[in-house]
Amino acid sequence: MYNLCREVSIFTTLTHHILSIRKQYIANIEAPECFHYIIWDIY
């Protein structure tokens, strides 16, 4: 069970990191406001 929790933790960390990068990328381009808000809601 510990290994499973550890893998989930790693997966969550990676997902969080990827979302942060994507959020920064989208913030740099002129995305539609609604889409921009959706990305911020995910984070």
C-alpha atoms as a PDB file:
ATOM      1  CA  MET A   1       0.000   0.000   0.000  1.00  0.00           C
ATOM      2  CA  TYR A   2       2.865   2.366   0.761  1.00  0.00           C
ATOM      3  CA  ASN A   3       4.282   1.906  -2.749  1.00  0.00           C
ATOM      4  CA  LEU A   4       0.907   2.723  -4.271  1.00  0.00           C
ATOM      5  CA  CYS A   5       0.611   5.903  -2.234  1.00  0.00           C
ATOM      6  CA  ARG A   6       4.137   6.842  -3.203  1.00  0.00           C
ATOM      7  CA  GLU A   7       3.434   6.325  -6.912  1.00  0.00           C
ATOM      8  CA  VAL A   8       0.236   8.350  -6.686  1.00  0.00           C
ATOM      9  CA  SER A   9       2.195  11.103  -4.954  1.00  0.00           C
ATOM     10  CA  ILE A  10       4.821  11.117  -7.714  1.00  0.00           C
ATOM     11  CA  PHE A  11       2.110  11.127 -10.385  1.00  0.00           C
ATOM     12  CA  THR A  12       0.332  14.031  -8.680  1.00  0.00           C
ATOM     13  CA  THR A  13       3.580  15.986  -8.441  1.00  0.00           C
ATOM     14  CA  LEU A  14       4.353  15.413 -12.126  1.00  0.00           C
ATOM     15  CA  THR A  15       0.823  16.396 -13.137  1.00  0.00           C
ATOM     16  CA  HIS A  16       1.047  19.537 -11.015  1.00  0.00           C
ATOM     17  CA  HIS A  17       4.389  20.410 -12.638  1.00  0.00           C
ATOM     18  CA  ILE A  18       3.055  19.816 -16.161  1.00  0.00           C
ATOM     19  CA  LEU A  19      -0.034  21.927 -15.460  1.00  0.00           C
ATOM     20  CA  SER A  20       2.157  24.739 -14.146  1.00  0.00           C
ATOM     21  CA  ILE A  21       4.255  24.706 -17.316  1.00  0.00           C
ATOM     22  CA  ARG A  22       1.139  24.591 -19.486  1.00  0.00           C
ATOM     23  CA  LYS A  23      -0.423  27.424 -17.497  1.00  0.00           C
ATOM     24  CA  GLN A  24       2.650  29.599 -18.023  1.00  0.00           C
ATOM     25  CA  TYR A  25       2.716  28.751 -21.732  1.00  0.00           C
ATOM     26  CA  ILE A  26      -0.955  29.616 -22.192  1.00  0.00           C
ATOM     27  CA  ALA A  27      -0.506  32.807 -20.195  1.00  0.00           C
ATOM     28  CA  ASN A  28       2.219  33.825 -22.654  1.00  0.00           C
ATOM     29  CA  ILE A  29      -0.010  33.442 -25.717  1.00  0.00           C
ATOM     30  CA  GLU A  30      -3.200  35.416 -26.226  1.00  0.00           C
ATOM     31  CA  ALA A  31      -5.744  32.765 -25.320  1.00  0.00           C
ATOM     32  CA  PRO A  32      -9.489  33.492 -25.139  1.00  0.00           C
ATOM     33  CA  GLU A  33     -10.475  34.688 -21.676  1.00  0.00           C
ATOM     34  CA  CYS A  34     -12.834  31.781 -20.969  1.00  0.00           C
ATOM     35  CA  PHE A  35     -10.147  29.226 -21.858  1.00  0.00           C
ATOM     36  CA  HIS A  36      -7.638  31.095 -19.695  1.00  0.00           C
ATOM     37  CA  TYR A  37     -10.015  30.920 -16.721  1.00  0.00           C
ATOM     38  CA  ILE A  38     -10.575  27.198 -17.258  1.00  0.00           C
ATOM     39  CA  ILE A  39      -6.823  26.551 -17.042  1.00  0.00           C
ATOM     40  CA  TRP A  40      -6.576  28.598 -13.838  1.00  0.00           C
ATOM     41  CA  ASP A  41      -9.520  26.669 -12.380  1.00  0.00           C
ATOM     42  CA  ILE A  42      -7.719  23.364 -12.975  1.00  0.00           C
ATOM     43  CA  TYR A  43      -4.719  24.583 -11.024  1.00  0.00           C
END
